[in-house]
């Protein structure tokens, strides 16, 4: 049997990725110390690898495909096929940023002020290219961790990953500039992408993952409405395109369905009831395939 070898990110993205795979229809399980998770699909095998390394192994062909950040593809300079952008991160459905940060009382205010300074970062390649693009020469050193605490005693500035900015603020740091905005990507080895079976399997995974993301924070509302109140109810409902209205066997009644943002449900359900809707049901969604 032909099998697709998939790299999944171990670390900060692991839980979010496992959850997204579950909603896409793939049950992934791994023990605390296991790097070989099980997937309930005989055509898929997976390896848990740090996101920083996945693009290199995909490029080499050790992995057929993988889920990693755009930042690490760029950091490694990997020649891979980018199949899909999957906008999710550790703490939510948003991009992450690599930023230049300095202590709040630092005199460094612009990129030019980094000239001759010492910078600590895990993304050495990204940082050096960024400085080159701005015509700045600085000493960039690799940071093995706890990068936020290295200023100002050890380095003048850091280039660090941030999703919300809270960790930087907690360490009395301010952002000078953004080096790169990054999102999660599904990538493929170029040879695997050229193989008809593997490409079809990767495309299947892509469609289902994007469908799972599209369904995040959305629900399906279903209700019954008498025909005299349809216009009033429909006018309240936001929808992907337009609410679905179907006749019921009972004369003078219709069933209405609409996919809406979960955040608006608490506001519109009382309005729907007041407008004449009955039997309102809220249903969670796993996937929306456009």
Protein backbone atom coordinates (compact mmCIF):
# COMPACT_ATOMS: atom_id res chain seq x y z
CA UNK A 1 0.00 0.00 0.00
CA UNK A 2 1.24 3.48 -0.87
CA UNK A 3 1.59 5.69 2.19
CA UNK A 4 2.03 9.44 2.56
CA UNK A 5 4.58 10.46 5.18
CA UNK A 6 3.39 13.59 6.99
CA UNK A 7 5.34 15.83 9.34
CA UNK A 8 3.34 17.34 12.20
CA UNK A 9 4.75 20.10 14.43
CA UNK A 10 5.82 19.11 17.92
CA UNK A 11 5.69 21.88 20.49
CA UNK A 12 3.56 25.01 20.56
CA UNK A 13 1.53 24.14 17.45
CA UNK A 14 0.99 20.48 18.35
CA UNK A 15 -2.30 20.70 20.25
CA UNK A 16 -3.84 23.14 17.77
CA UNK A 17 -2.75 20.94 14.84
CA UNK A 18 -4.10 17.74 16.42
CA UNK A 19 -7.41 19.52 17.04
CA UNK A 20 -7.57 20.76 13.46
CA UNK A 21 -6.76 17.29 12.12
CA UNK A 22 -9.57 15.87 14.27
CA UNK A 23 -12.07 18.34 12.81
CA UNK A 24 -10.78 17.54 9.34
CA UNK A 25 -11.69 13.91 9.97
CA UNK A 26 -8.36 12.39 11.06
CA UNK A 27 -7.94 11.10 14.60
CA UNK A 28 -4.31 11.64 15.63
CA UNK A 29 -2.96 10.21 18.88
CA UNK A 30 0.50 10.35 20.43
CA UNK A 31 1.93 9.47 23.81
CA UNK A 32 3.76 12.11 25.82
CA UNK A 33 7.16 10.74 24.77
CA UNK A 34 6.21 9.41 21.35
CA UNK A 35 7.38 10.96 18.12
CA UNK A 36 5.40 8.55 15.95
CA UNK A 37 1.68 9.37 16.35
CA UNK A 38 -1.05 7.10 15.07
CA UNK A 39 -3.61 8.26 12.50
CA UNK A 40 -6.82 6.40 11.77
CA UNK A 41 -6.06 6.42 8.03
CA UNK A 42 -3.94 3.55 6.67
CA UNK A 43 -2.73 5.80 3.85
CA UNK A 44 -1.13 8.27 6.27
CA UNK A 45 1.90 7.95 8.52
CA UNK A 46 3.11 10.83 10.66
CA UNK A 47 6.18 11.99 12.52
CA UNK A 48 6.24 14.62 15.24
CA UNK A 49 9.09 17.03 14.50
CA UNK A 50 9.84 20.57 15.61
CA UNK A 51 8.26 23.07 13.24
CA UNK A 52 11.71 24.61 12.75
CA UNK A 53 12.90 21.41 11.00
CA UNK A 54 9.89 20.21 9.03
CA UNK A 55 10.52 22.18 5.83
CA UNK A 56 14.07 20.80 5.58
CA UNK A 57 12.89 17.20 5.82
CA UNK A 58 10.10 17.86 3.33
CA UNK A 59 12.62 19.35 0.91
CA UNK A 60 14.91 16.33 1.33
CA UNK A 61 12.02 13.92 0.74
CA UNK A 62 12.24 12.26 4.15
CA UNK A 63 8.71 13.62 4.56
CA UNK A 64 6.24 13.82 1.67
CA UNK A 65 4.34 16.70 3.25
CA UNK A 66 4.23 18.66 6.46
CA UNK A 67 2.58 21.40 8.47
CA UNK A 68 4.88 24.20 9.56
CA UNK A 69 5.19 27.96 9.67
CA UNK A 70 6.00 30.16 6.71
CA UNK A 71 8.70 31.69 8.91
CA UNK A 72 10.61 28.41 9.11
CA UNK A 73 10.29 27.80 5.38
CA UNK A 74 11.93 31.19 4.86
CA UNK A 75 14.48 30.70 7.64
CA UNK A 76 15.61 27.40 6.11
CA UNK A 77 15.35 28.63 2.51
CA UNK A 78 13.50 25.42 1.69
CA UNK A 79 12.54 24.58 -1.89
CA UNK A 80 9.09 23.05 -1.32
CA UNK A 81 5.59 23.33 -2.76
CA UNK A 82 3.28 25.46 -0.63
CA UNK A 83 -0.10 23.74 -0.91
CA UNK A 84 -2.30 25.78 1.45
CA UNK A 85 -2.22 28.60 3.95
CA UNK A 86 -3.78 27.52 7.24
CA UNK A 87 -4.32 30.57 9.43
CA UNK A 88 -4.13 29.25 12.96
CA UNK A 89 -1.56 29.48 15.72
CA UNK A 90 -1.06 28.35 19.30
CA UNK A 91 -3.55 30.80 20.78
CA UNK A 92 -6.00 31.52 17.99
CA UNK A 93 -6.88 32.00 14.35
CA UNK A 94 -4.39 34.72 13.57
CA UNK A 95 -0.97 35.19 11.99
CA UNK A 96 2.12 35.45 14.17
CA UNK A 97 4.92 38.00 13.82
CA UNK A 98 8.66 38.09 14.20
CA UNK A 99 9.48 41.50 15.64
CA UNK A 100 12.48 43.55 16.69
CA UNK A 101 12.05 44.32 20.39
CA UNK A 102 14.09 46.39 22.82
CA UNK A 103 13.74 47.49 26.46
CA UNK A 104 11.16 50.23 26.85
CA UNK A 105 13.84 52.74 27.91
CA UNK A 106 16.24 51.82 25.06
CA UNK A 107 17.34 54.66 22.74
CA UNK A 108 16.80 52.33 19.76
CA UNK A 109 13.79 53.68 17.87
CA UNK A 110 14.28 52.58 14.24
CA UNK A 111 15.93 49.83 12.25
CA UNK A 112 18.83 52.16 11.47
CA UNK A 113 19.57 52.41 15.20
CA UNK A 114 20.52 48.71 15.19
CA UNK A 115 23.76 49.54 13.36
CA UNK A 116 26.66 47.91 15.21
CA UNK A 117 24.37 46.46 17.88
CA UNK A 118 24.11 42.88 19.17
CA UNK A 119 20.85 41.02 18.48
CA UNK A 120 19.72 37.65 19.86
CA UNK A 121 17.22 35.48 18.01
CA UNK A 122 16.30 31.95 17.07
CA UNK A 123 15.63 33.10 13.49
CA UNK A 124 19.18 34.07 12.55
CA UNK A 125 18.68 33.78 8.78
CA UNK A 126 15.50 35.85 8.78
CA UNK A 127 17.14 38.52 10.91
CA UNK A 128 20.28 38.78 8.80
CA UNK A 129 18.28 39.09 5.58
CA UNK A 130 16.07 41.73 7.19
CA UNK A 131 19.08 43.78 8.26
CA UNK A 132 20.67 43.44 4.82
CA UNK A 133 17.47 44.71 3.18
CA UNK A 134 17.70 47.81 5.38
CA UNK A 135 21.42 48.32 4.87
CA UNK A 136 22.21 47.71 8.54
CA UNK A 137 25.24 45.82 9.88
CA UNK A 138 24.79 44.20 13.28
CA UNK A 139 25.99 41.17 15.24
CA UNK A 140 23.26 38.52 15.12
CA UNK A 141 23.63 35.57 17.49
CA UNK A 142 21.53 32.44 17.90
CA UNK A 143 19.44 32.29 21.06
CA UNK A 144 18.78 28.92 22.66
CA UNK A 145 15.77 30.21 24.56
CA UNK A 146 14.61 32.76 27.15
CA UNK A 147 15.38 35.40 24.53
CA UNK A 148 13.22 38.07 26.21
CA UNK A 149 15.39 38.20 29.32
CA UNK A 150 18.68 38.82 27.46
CA UNK A 151 18.19 42.55 27.07
CA UNK A 152 19.78 44.85 28.04
CA UNK A 153 22.59 43.04 29.91
CA UNK A 154 23.54 40.52 27.18
CA UNK A 155 22.24 42.03 23.93
CA UNK A 156 20.90 45.35 22.70
CA UNK A 157 17.83 43.94 20.96
CA UNK A 158 16.05 40.71 20.16
CA UNK A 159 14.07 39.39 17.22
CA UNK A 160 11.34 37.28 18.73
CA UNK A 161 8.13 35.52 17.79
CA UNK A 162 4.93 37.03 19.14
CA UNK A 163 1.26 36.23 18.75
CA UNK A 164 -0.37 38.62 21.21
CA UNK A 165 2.54 40.76 22.43
CA UNK A 166 1.78 39.94 26.07
CA UNK A 167 5.06 38.15 26.76
CA UNK A 168 7.07 41.07 25.39
CA UNK A 169 5.13 43.55 27.49
CA UNK A 170 5.54 41.36 30.58
CA UNK A 171 9.30 41.53 30.06
CA UNK A 172 9.25 45.32 29.74
CA UNK A 173 9.97 45.25 26.00
CA UNK A 174 8.55 47.34 23.17
CA UNK A 175 8.36 46.56 19.46
CA UNK A 176 10.53 48.57 17.08
CA UNK A 177 9.58 46.91 13.79
CA UNK A 178 8.08 43.77 12.24
CA UNK A 179 10.53 41.46 10.49
CA UNK A 180 8.01 38.96 9.10
CA UNK A 181 4.33 38.09 9.35
CA UNK A 182 3.87 34.32 9.25
CA UNK A 183 1.05 31.82 9.02
CA UNK A 184 0.90 28.03 9.18
CA UNK A 185 1.34 26.27 5.83
CA UNK A 186 0.73 22.81 4.42
CA UNK A 187 3.77 22.07 2.27
CA UNK A 188 4.81 19.20 0.00
CA UNK A 189 8.01 17.73 -1.33
CA UNK A 190 8.31 18.69 -5.00
CA UNK A 191 8.68 15.07 -6.14
CA UNK A 192 5.74 13.96 -3.99
CA UNK A 193 3.64 16.78 -5.47
CA UNK A 194 4.49 15.48 -8.96
CA UNK A 195 3.36 11.96 -8.02
CA UNK A 196 -0.36 11.59 -8.92
CA UNK A 197 -1.32 9.44 -5.93
CA UNK A 198 0.57 11.49 -3.36
CA UNK A 199 -0.67 14.76 -4.80
CA UNK A 200 -4.27 13.55 -4.63
CA UNK A 201 -3.77 12.53 -0.98
CA UNK A 202 -2.16 15.87 -0.10
CA UNK A 203 -4.98 17.74 -1.88
CA UNK A 204 -7.53 15.69 0.09
CA UNK A 205 -5.81 16.70 3.31
CA UNK A 206 -5.68 20.33 2.16
CA UNK A 207 -9.39 20.53 1.35
CA UNK A 208 -10.39 18.97 4.67
CA UNK A 209 -8.05 21.13 6.76
CA UNK A 210 -9.21 24.31 5.05
CA UNK A 211 -12.80 23.19 5.58
CA UNK A 212 -12.12 22.65 9.28
CA UNK A 213 -10.61 26.12 9.57
CA UNK A 214 -13.52 27.69 7.71
CA UNK A 215 -15.89 26.16 10.26
CA UNK A 216 -14.00 27.52 13.28
CA UNK A 217 -16.20 29.79 15.40
CA UNK A 218 -19.23 29.20 13.17
CA UNK A 219 -22.49 27.36 13.87
CA UNK A 220 -25.56 26.29 11.94
CA UNK A 221 -28.87 27.78 13.05
CA UNK A 222 -32.06 25.94 12.11
CA UNK A 223 -35.60 27.09 12.82
CA UNK A 224 -39.21 26.88 11.70
CA UNK A 225 -41.08 30.00 10.61
CA UNK A 226 -44.59 30.64 9.36
CA UNK A 227 -44.64 32.22 5.91
CA UNK A 228 -45.97 35.53 7.23
CA UNK A 229 -42.74 36.07 9.18
CA UNK A 230 -40.09 34.77 6.73
CA UNK A 231 -38.92 38.18 5.54
CA UNK A 232 -38.56 39.48 9.09
CA UNK A 233 -36.55 36.43 10.19
CA UNK A 234 -34.33 36.33 7.10
CA UNK A 235 -33.48 40.02 7.50
CA UNK A 236 -31.90 39.21 10.89
CA UNK A 237 -29.80 36.28 9.68
CA UNK A 238 -26.26 36.77 8.41
CA UNK A 239 -25.20 33.93 6.10
CA UNK A 240 -22.34 32.70 3.94
CA UNK A 241 -24.46 33.40 0.87
CA UNK A 242 -28.14 33.52 1.77
CA UNK A 243 -30.23 31.56 4.27
CA UNK A 244 -31.69 28.29 3.00
CA UNK A 245 -35.50 28.27 3.04
CA UNK A 246 -37.39 24.97 2.51
CA UNK A 247 -41.11 24.28 2.62
CA UNK A 248 -42.46 22.02 5.36
CA UNK A 249 -45.27 19.50 5.00
CA UNK A 250 -47.39 21.74 7.18
CA UNK A 251 -49.01 24.42 5.02
CA UNK A 252 -47.86 27.92 5.72
CA UNK A 253 -44.56 26.92 7.38
CA UNK A 254 -40.94 26.80 6.19
CA UNK A 255 -37.63 25.61 7.63
CA UNK A 256 -34.75 28.11 7.56
CA UNK A 257 -31.05 27.27 7.91
CA UNK A 258 -28.09 29.63 8.08
CA UNK A 259 -24.39 29.40 8.96
CA UNK A 260 -23.45 32.27 11.26
CA UNK A 261 -20.57 33.40 13.45
CA UNK A 262 -20.89 31.86 16.90
CA UNK A 263 -20.18 35.25 18.45
CA UNK A 264 -23.46 36.74 17.17
CA UNK A 265 -25.73 33.87 18.21
CA UNK A 266 -26.49 35.21 21.68
CA UNK A 267 -27.56 38.51 20.14
CA UNK A 268 -29.72 37.24 17.30
CA UNK A 269 -31.57 34.27 18.84
CA UNK A 270 -33.82 36.48 21.01
CA UNK A 271 -34.45 38.69 17.95
CA UNK A 272 -35.28 35.64 15.81
CA UNK A 273 -37.75 34.38 18.38
CA UNK A 274 -39.36 37.80 18.63
CA UNK A 275 -39.59 37.96 14.83
CA UNK A 276 -41.54 34.69 14.71
CA UNK A 277 -38.97 31.87 14.58
CA UNK A 278 -39.77 28.67 16.50
CA UNK A 279 -37.85 25.49 17.32
CA UNK A 280 -34.50 27.23 16.99
CA UNK A 281 -31.55 24.79 17.04
CA UNK A 282 -27.86 25.68 17.20
CA UNK A 283 -25.47 23.05 15.77
CA UNK A 284 -21.66 23.09 15.96
CA UNK A 285 -19.74 22.55 12.71
CA UNK A 286 -16.58 20.59 11.91
CA UNK A 287 -16.06 21.59 8.28
CA UNK A 288 -17.31 24.08 5.70
CA UNK A 289 -16.20 23.25 2.17
CA UNK A 290 -16.56 26.23 -0.14
